[in-house]
PDB file of N, CA and C in Angstrom:
ATOM      1  N   MET A   1      62.481 150.706  87.502  1.00  0.00           N
ATOM      2  CA  MET A   1      61.244 149.980  87.335  1.00  0.00           C
ATOM      3  C   MET A   1      60.084 150.662  88.062  1.00  0.00           C
ATOM      4  N   HIS A   2      60.278 151.897  88.476  1.00  0.00           N
ATOM      5  CA  HIS A   2      59.216 152.598  89.185  1.00  0.00           C
ATOM      6  C   HIS A   2      58.004 152.862  88.286  1.00  0.00           C
ATOM      7  N   PHE A   3      58.212 152.953  87.000  1.00  0.00           N
ATOM      8  CA  PHE A   3      57.111 153.259  86.098  1.00  0.00           C
ATOM      9  C   PHE A   3      56.114 152.109  85.985  1.00  0.00           C
ATOM     10  N   LEU A   4      56.466 150.910  86.453  1.00  0.00           N
ATOM     11  CA  LEU A   4      55.547 149.783  86.419  1.00  0.00           C
ATOM     12  C   LEU A   4      54.640 149.740  87.648  1.00  0.00           C
ATOM     13  N   GLY A   5      54.961 150.504  88.658  1.00  0.00           N
ATOM     14  CA  GLY A   5      54.163 150.496  89.886  1.00  0.00           C
ATOM     15  C   GLY A   5      52.944 151.406  89.772  1.00  0.00           C
ATOM     16  N   ILE A   6      51.910 151.034  90.481  1.00  0.00           N
ATOM     17  CA  ILE A   6      50.689 151.830  90.513  1.00  0.00           C
ATOM     18  C   ILE A   6      50.542 152.403  91.919  1.00  0.00           C
ATOM     19  N   THR A   7      50.389 153.691  92.002  1.00  0.00           N
ATOM     20  CA  THR A   7      50.144 154.333  93.287  1.00  0.00           C
ATOM     21  C   THR A   7      48.639 154.457  93.457  1.00  0.00           C
ATOM     22  N   TRP A   8      48.087 153.651  94.358  1.00  0.00           N
ATOM     23  CA  TRP A   8      46.649 153.634  94.575  1.00  0.00           C
ATOM     24  C   TRP A   8      46.349 154.441  95.821  1.00  0.00           C
ATOM     25  N   ASN A   9      45.874 155.645  95.625  1.00  0.00           N
ATOM     26  CA  ASN A   9      45.566 156.528  96.742  1.00  0.00           C
ATOM     27  C   ASN A   9      44.298 157.328  96.418  1.00  0.00           C
ATOM     28  N   PRO A  10      43.128 156.663  96.407  1.00  0.00           N
ATOM     29  CA  PRO A  10      41.900 157.391  96.079  1.00  0.00           C
ATOM     30  C   PRO A  10      41.466 158.295  97.231  1.00  0.00           C
ATOM     31  N   ASN A  11      40.633 159.241  96.920  1.00  0.00           N
ATOM     32  CA  ASN A  11      40.082 160.120  97.940  1.00  0.00           C
ATOM     33  C   ASN A  11      39.071 159.325  98.768  1.00  0.00           C
ATOM     34  N   GLU A  12      39.248 159.283 100.073  1.00  0.00           N
ATOM     35  CA  GLU A  12      38.385 158.484 100.945  1.00  0.00           C
ATOM     36  C   GLU A  12      37.039 159.144 101.213  1.00  0.00           C
ATOM     37  N   THR A  13      36.969 160.456 101.115  1.00  0.00           N
ATOM     38  CA  THR A  13      35.752 161.183 101.457  1.00  0.00           C
ATOM     39  C   THR A  13      34.812 161.211 100.261  1.00  0.00           C
ATOM     40  N   LEU A  14      33.590 160.763 100.488  1.00  0.00           N
ATOM     41  CA  LEU A  14      32.578 160.779  99.436  1.00  0.00           C
ATOM     42  C   LEU A  14      31.993 162.180  99.296  1.00  0.00           C
ATOM     43  N   PHE A  15      31.564 162.775 100.420  1.00  0.00           N
ATOM     44  CA  PHE A  15      31.099 164.160 100.427  1.00  0.00           C
ATOM     45  C   PHE A  15      31.113 164.688 101.855  1.00  0.00           C
ATOM     46  N   ASN A  16      31.051 166.009 101.977  1.00  0.00           N
ATOM     47  CA  ASN A  16      31.065 166.688 103.273  1.00  0.00           C
ATOM     48  C   ASN A  16      29.717 167.349 103.520  1.00  0.00           C
ATOM     49  N   ILE A  17      29.247 167.217 104.758  1.00  0.00           N
ATOM     50  CA  ILE A  17      28.054 167.941 105.198  1.00  0.00           C
ATOM     51  C   ILE A  17      28.491 168.752 106.410  1.00  0.00           C
ATOM     52  N   GLY A  18      28.855 169.985 106.177  1.00  0.00           N
ATOM     53  CA  GLY A  18      29.362 170.812 107.265  1.00  0.00           C
ATOM     54  C   GLY A  18      30.676 170.252 107.779  1.00  0.00           C
ATOM     55  N   PHE A  19      30.699 169.869 109.045  1.00  0.00           N
ATOM     56  CA  PHE A  19      31.909 169.304 109.631  1.00  0.00           C
ATOM     57  C   PHE A  19      31.907 167.776 109.607  1.00  0.00           C
ATOM     58  N   ILE A  20      30.857 167.162 109.077  1.00  0.00           N
ATOM     59  CA  ILE A  20      30.754 165.700 109.011  1.00  0.00           C
ATOM     60  C   ILE A  20      31.225 165.226 107.645  1.00  0.00           C
ATOM     61  N   GLN A  21      32.127 164.256 107.641  1.00  0.00           N
ATOM     62  CA  GLN A  21      32.612 163.670 106.400  1.00  0.00           C
ATOM     63  C   GLN A  21      32.003 162.289 106.226  1.00  0.00           C
ATOM     64  N   ILE A  22      31.373 162.048 105.092  1.00  0.00           N
ATOM     65  CA  ILE A  22      30.845 160.735 104.763  1.00  0.00           C
ATOM     66  C   ILE A  22      31.873 160.050 103.876  1.00  0.00           C
ATOM     67  N   LYS A  23      32.399 158.931 104.363  1.00  0.00           N
ATOM     68  CA  LYS A  23      33.432 158.213 103.623  1.00  0.00           C
ATOM     69  C   LYS A  23      32.845 156.940 103.034  1.00  0.00           C
ATOM     70  N   TYR A  24      33.529 156.386 102.041  1.00  0.00           N
ATOM     71  CA  TYR A  24      33.051 155.174 101.384  1.00  0.00           C
ATOM     72  C   TYR A  24      32.895 154.029 102.378  1.00  0.00           C
ATOM     73  N   TYR A  25      33.847 153.890 103.259  1.00  0.00           N
ATOM     74  CA  TYR A  25      33.823 152.800 104.232  1.00  0.00           C
ATOM     75  C   TYR A  25      32.583 152.888 105.122  1.00  0.00           C
ATOM     76  N   ASN A  26      32.252 154.080 105.599  1.00  0.00           N
ATOM     77  CA  ASN A  26      31.060 154.268 106.433  1.00  0.00           C
ATOM     78  C   ASN A  26      29.791 153.940 105.663  1.00  0.00           C
ATOM     79  N   LEU A  27      29.748 154.375 104.419  1.00  0.00           N
ATOM     80  CA  LEU A  27      28.569 154.118 103.597  1.00  0.00           C
ATOM     81  C   LEU A  27      28.378 152.619 103.356  1.00  0.00           C
ATOM     82  N   LEU A  28      29.465 151.885 103.181  1.00  0.00           N
ATOM     83  CA  LEU A  28      29.371 150.437 102.990  1.00  0.00           C
ATOM     84  C   LEU A  28      28.887 149.735 104.254  1.00  0.00           C
ATOM     85  N   TRP A  29      29.325 150.192 105.432  1.00  0.00           N
ATOM     86  CA  TRP A  29      28.847 149.607 106.688  1.00  0.00           C
ATOM     87  C   TRP A  29      27.338 149.805 106.823  1.00  0.00           C
ATOM     88  N   ILE A  30      26.873 151.016 106.573  1.00  0.00           N
ATOM     89  CA  ILE A  30      25.447 151.311 106.700  1.00  0.00           C
ATOM     90  C   ILE A  30      24.638 150.490 105.704  1.00  0.00           C
ATOM     91  N   THR A  31      25.130 150.388 104.475  1.00  0.00           N
ATOM     92  CA  THR A  31      24.435 149.603 103.453  1.00  0.00           C
ATOM     93  C   THR A  31      24.369 148.132 103.836  1.00  0.00           C
ATOM     94  N   ALA A  32      25.452 147.593 104.365  1.00  0.00           N
ATOM     95  CA  ALA A  32      25.473 146.177 104.756  1.00  0.00           C
ATOM     96  C   ALA A  32      24.482 145.901 105.883  1.00  0.00           C
ATOM     97  N   PHE A  33      24.428 146.758 106.883  1.00  0.00           N
ATOM     98  CA  PHE A  33      23.477 146.561 107.976  1.00  0.00           C
ATOM     99  C   PHE A  33      22.036 146.714 107.497  1.00  0.00           C
ATOM    100  N   ALA A  34      21.782 147.675 106.625  1.00  0.00           N
ATOM    101  CA  ALA A  34      20.415 147.876 106.124  1.00  0.00           C
ATOM    102  C   ALA A  34      19.961 146.682 105.289  1.00  0.00           C
ATOM    103  N   LEU A  35      20.814 146.203 104.389  1.00  0.00           N
ATOM    104  CA  LEU A  35      20.452 145.033 103.585  1.00  0.00           C
ATOM    105  C   LEU A  35      20.269 143.795 104.453  1.00  0.00           C
ATOM    106  N   GLY A  36      21.122 143.638 105.446  1.00  0.00           N
ATOM    107  CA  GLY A  36      20.988 142.512 106.364  1.00  0.00           C
ATOM    108  C   GLY A  36      19.686 142.551 107.131  1.00  0.00           C
ATOM    109  N   TRP A  37      19.290 143.752 107.559  1.00  0.00           N
ATOM    110  CA  TRP A  37      18.036 143.880 108.300  1.00  0.00           C
ATOM    111  C   TRP A  37      16.839 143.553 107.414  1.00  0.00           C
ATOM    112  N   PHE A  38      16.840 144.051 106.167  1.00  0.00           N
ATOM    113  CA  PHE A  38      15.723 143.768 105.264  1.00  0.00           C
ATOM    114  C   PHE A  38      15.643 142.289 104.910  1.00  0.00           C
ATOM    115  N   LEU A  39      16.791 141.648 104.690  1.00  0.00           N
ATOM    116  CA  LEU A  39      16.781 140.212 104.387  1.00  0.00           C
ATOM    117  C   LEU A  39      16.292 139.396 105.580  1.00  0.00           C
ATOM    118  N   MET A  40      16.775 139.738 106.767  1.00  0.00           N
ATOM    119  CA  MET A  40      16.344 139.006 107.954  1.00  0.00           C
ATOM    120  C   MET A  40      14.866 139.262 108.263  1.00  0.00           C
ATOM    121  N   LYS A  41      14.370 140.451 107.971  1.00  0.00           N
ATOM    122  CA  LYS A  41      12.947 140.733 108.178  1.00  0.00           C
ATOM    123  C   LYS A  41      12.102 139.846 107.271  1.00  0.00           C
ATOM    124  N   LYS A  42      12.534 139.684 106.038  1.00  0.00           N
ATOM    125  CA  LYS A  42      11.812 138.814 105.106  1.00  0.00           C
ATOM    126  C   LYS A  42      11.832 137.366 105.592  1.00  0.00           C
ATOM    127  N   ILE A  43      12.976 136.916 106.078  1.00  0.00           N
ATOM    128  CA  ILE A  43      13.090 135.548 106.593  1.00  0.00           C
ATOM    129  C   ILE A  43      12.214 135.366 107.829  1.00  0.00           C
ATOM    130  N   PHE A  44      12.233 136.335 108.736  1.00  0.00           N
ATOM    131  CA  PHE A  44      11.417 136.247 109.955  1.00  0.00           C
ATOM    132  C   PHE A  44       9.931 136.212 109.618  1.00  0.00           C
ATOM    133  N   LEU A  45       9.505 137.003 108.651  1.00  0.00           N
ATOM    134  CA  LEU A  45       8.092 137.000 108.272  1.00  0.00           C
ATOM    135  C   LEU A  45       7.699 135.683 107.605  1.00  0.00           C
ATOM    136  N   ASN A  46       8.591 135.105 106.804  1.00  0.00           N
ATOM    137  CA  ASN A  46       8.308 133.808 106.176  1.00  0.00           C
ATOM    138  C   ASN A  46       8.243 132.688 107.205  1.00  0.00           C
ATOM    139  N   GLU A  47       9.038 132.792 108.258  1.00  0.00           N
ATOM    140  CA  GLU A  47       9.066 131.769 109.307  1.00  0.00           C
ATOM    141  C   GLU A  47       8.017 132.023 110.392  1.00  0.00           C
ATOM    142  N   LYS A  48       7.232 133.077 110.243  1.00  0.00           N
ATOM    143  CA  LYS A  48       6.180 133.451 111.203  1.00  0.00           C
ATOM    144  C   LYS A  48       6.745 133.760 112.592  1.00  0.00           C
ATOM    145  N   LYS A  49       7.892 134.424 112.618  1.00  0.00           N
ATOM    146  CA  LYS A  49       8.499 134.868 113.882  1.00  0.00           C
ATOM    147  C   LYS A  49       8.148 136.338 114.099  1.00  0.00           C
ATOM    148  N   SER A  50       8.252 136.785 115.337  1.00  0.00           N
ATOM    149  CA  SER A  50       7.912 138.180 115.630  1.00  0.00           C
ATOM    150  C   SER A  50       9.060 139.109 115.234  1.00  0.00           C
ATOM    151  N   VAL A  51       8.682 140.295 114.791  1.00  0.00           N
ATOM    152  CA  VAL A  51       9.670 141.280 114.365  1.00  0.00           C
ATOM    153  C   VAL A  51      10.397 141.866 115.573  1.00  0.00           C
ATOM    154  N   GLU A  52       9.797 141.801 116.767  1.00  0.00           N
ATOM    155  CA  GLU A  52      10.460 142.290 117.976  1.00  0.00           C
ATOM    156  C   GLU A  52      11.727 141.488 118.260  1.00  0.00           C
ATOM    157  N   GLN A  53      11.700 140.194 117.976  1.00  0.00           N
ATOM    158  CA  GLN A  53      12.903 139.371 118.137  1.00  0.00           C
ATOM    159  C   GLN A  53      13.987 139.823 117.165  1.00  0.00           C
ATOM    160  N   LEU A  54      13.580 140.193 115.963  1.00  0.00           N
ATOM    161  CA  LEU A  54      14.542 140.674 114.972  1.00  0.00           C
ATOM    162  C   LEU A  54      15.181 141.976 115.426  1.00  0.00           C
ATOM    163  N   ASP A  55      14.398 142.859 116.019  1.00  0.00           N
ATOM    164  CA  ASP A  55      14.939 144.133 116.482  1.00  0.00           C
ATOM    165  C   ASP A  55      16.016 143.930 117.541  1.00  0.00           C
ATOM    166  N   SER A  56      15.758 143.068 118.513  1.00  0.00           N
ATOM    167  CA  SER A  56      16.771 142.829 119.548  1.00  0.00           C
ATOM    168  C   SER A  56      17.981 142.108 118.963  1.00  0.00           C
ATOM    169  N   LEU A  57      17.757 141.184 118.043  1.00  0.00           N
ATOM    170  CA  LEU A  57      18.873 140.504 117.386  1.00  0.00           C
ATOM    171  C   LEU A  57      19.716 141.491 116.593  1.00  0.00           C
ATOM    172  N   PHE A  58      19.071 142.425 115.922  1.00  0.00           N
ATOM    173  CA  PHE A  58      19.784 143.424 115.130  1.00  0.00           C
ATOM    174  C   PHE A  58      20.638 144.330 116.010  1.00  0.00           C
ATOM    175  N   ILE A  59      20.097 144.746 117.145  1.00  0.00           N
ATOM    176  CA  ILE A  59      20.859 145.597 118.065  1.00  0.00           C
ATOM    177  C   ILE A  59      22.091 144.863 118.575  1.00  0.00           C
ATOM    178  N   TYR A  60      21.927 143.603 118.978  1.00  0.00           N
ATOM    179  CA  TYR A  60      23.074 142.819 119.441  1.00  0.00           C
ATOM    180  C   TYR A  60      24.092 142.603 118.326  1.00  0.00           C
ATOM    181  N   THR A  61      23.621 142.410 117.112  1.00  0.00           N
ATOM    182  CA  THR A  61      24.529 142.208 115.982  1.00  0.00           C
ATOM    183  C   THR A  61      25.348 143.464 115.702  1.00  0.00           C
ATOM    184  N   VAL A  62      24.699 144.614 115.695  1.00  0.00           N
ATOM    185  CA  VAL A  62      25.409 145.872 115.441  1.00  0.00           C
ATOM    186  C   VAL A  62      26.422 146.148 116.545  1.00  0.00           C
ATOM    187  N   LEU A  63      26.012 145.987 117.797  1.00  0.00           N
ATOM    188  CA  LEU A  63      26.929 146.250 118.912  1.00  0.00           C
ATOM    189  C   LEU A  63      28.117 145.299 118.912  1.00  0.00           C
ATOM    190  N   SER A  64      27.864 144.019 118.680  1.00  0.00           N
ATOM    191  CA  SER A  64      28.975 143.060 118.686  1.00  0.00           C
ATOM    192  C   SER A  64      29.901 143.270 117.495  1.00  0.00           C
ATOM    193  N   THR A  65      29.361 143.684 116.362  1.00  0.00           N
ATOM    194  CA  THR A  65      30.212 143.969 115.202  1.00  0.00           C
ATOM    195  C   THR A  65      31.091 145.184 115.470  1.00  0.00           C
ATOM    196  N   MET A  66      30.525 146.219 116.063  1.00  0.00           N
ATOM    197  CA  MET A  66      31.311 147.416 116.368  1.00  0.00           C
ATOM    198  C   MET A  66      32.386 147.127 117.414  1.00  0.00           C
ATOM    199  N   LEU A  67      32.056 146.334 118.413  1.00  0.00           N
ATOM    200  CA  LEU A  67      33.057 145.990 119.429  1.00  0.00           C
ATOM    201  C   LEU A  67      34.132 145.073 118.858  1.00  0.00           C
ATOM    202  N   GLY A  68      33.741 144.171 117.980  1.00  0.00           N
ATOM    203  CA  GLY A  68      34.695 143.236 117.398  1.00  0.00           C
ATOM    204  C   GLY A  68      35.598 143.860 116.352  1.00  0.00           C
ATOM    205  N   ALA A  69      35.108 144.903 115.704  1.00  0.00           N
ATOM    206  CA  ALA A  69      35.913 145.548 114.666  1.00  0.00           C
ATOM    207  C   ALA A  69      36.893 146.483 115.317  1.00  0.00           C
TER     208      ALA A  69
END
């Protein structure tokens, strides 16, 4: 019954820049943080809050996510 199984082993590396490898997982992390920052910036501007508060919140969010992961 081996012919019914699927071997899922895609290439993890998206592209290479010299000795640096950009992988899909890294690209998704960067995209998620960038989209989150743009959405929160829009919310902060609609609520008339300062963008400096968003910057410190973003730094704490990135650091806590990296430590938690």
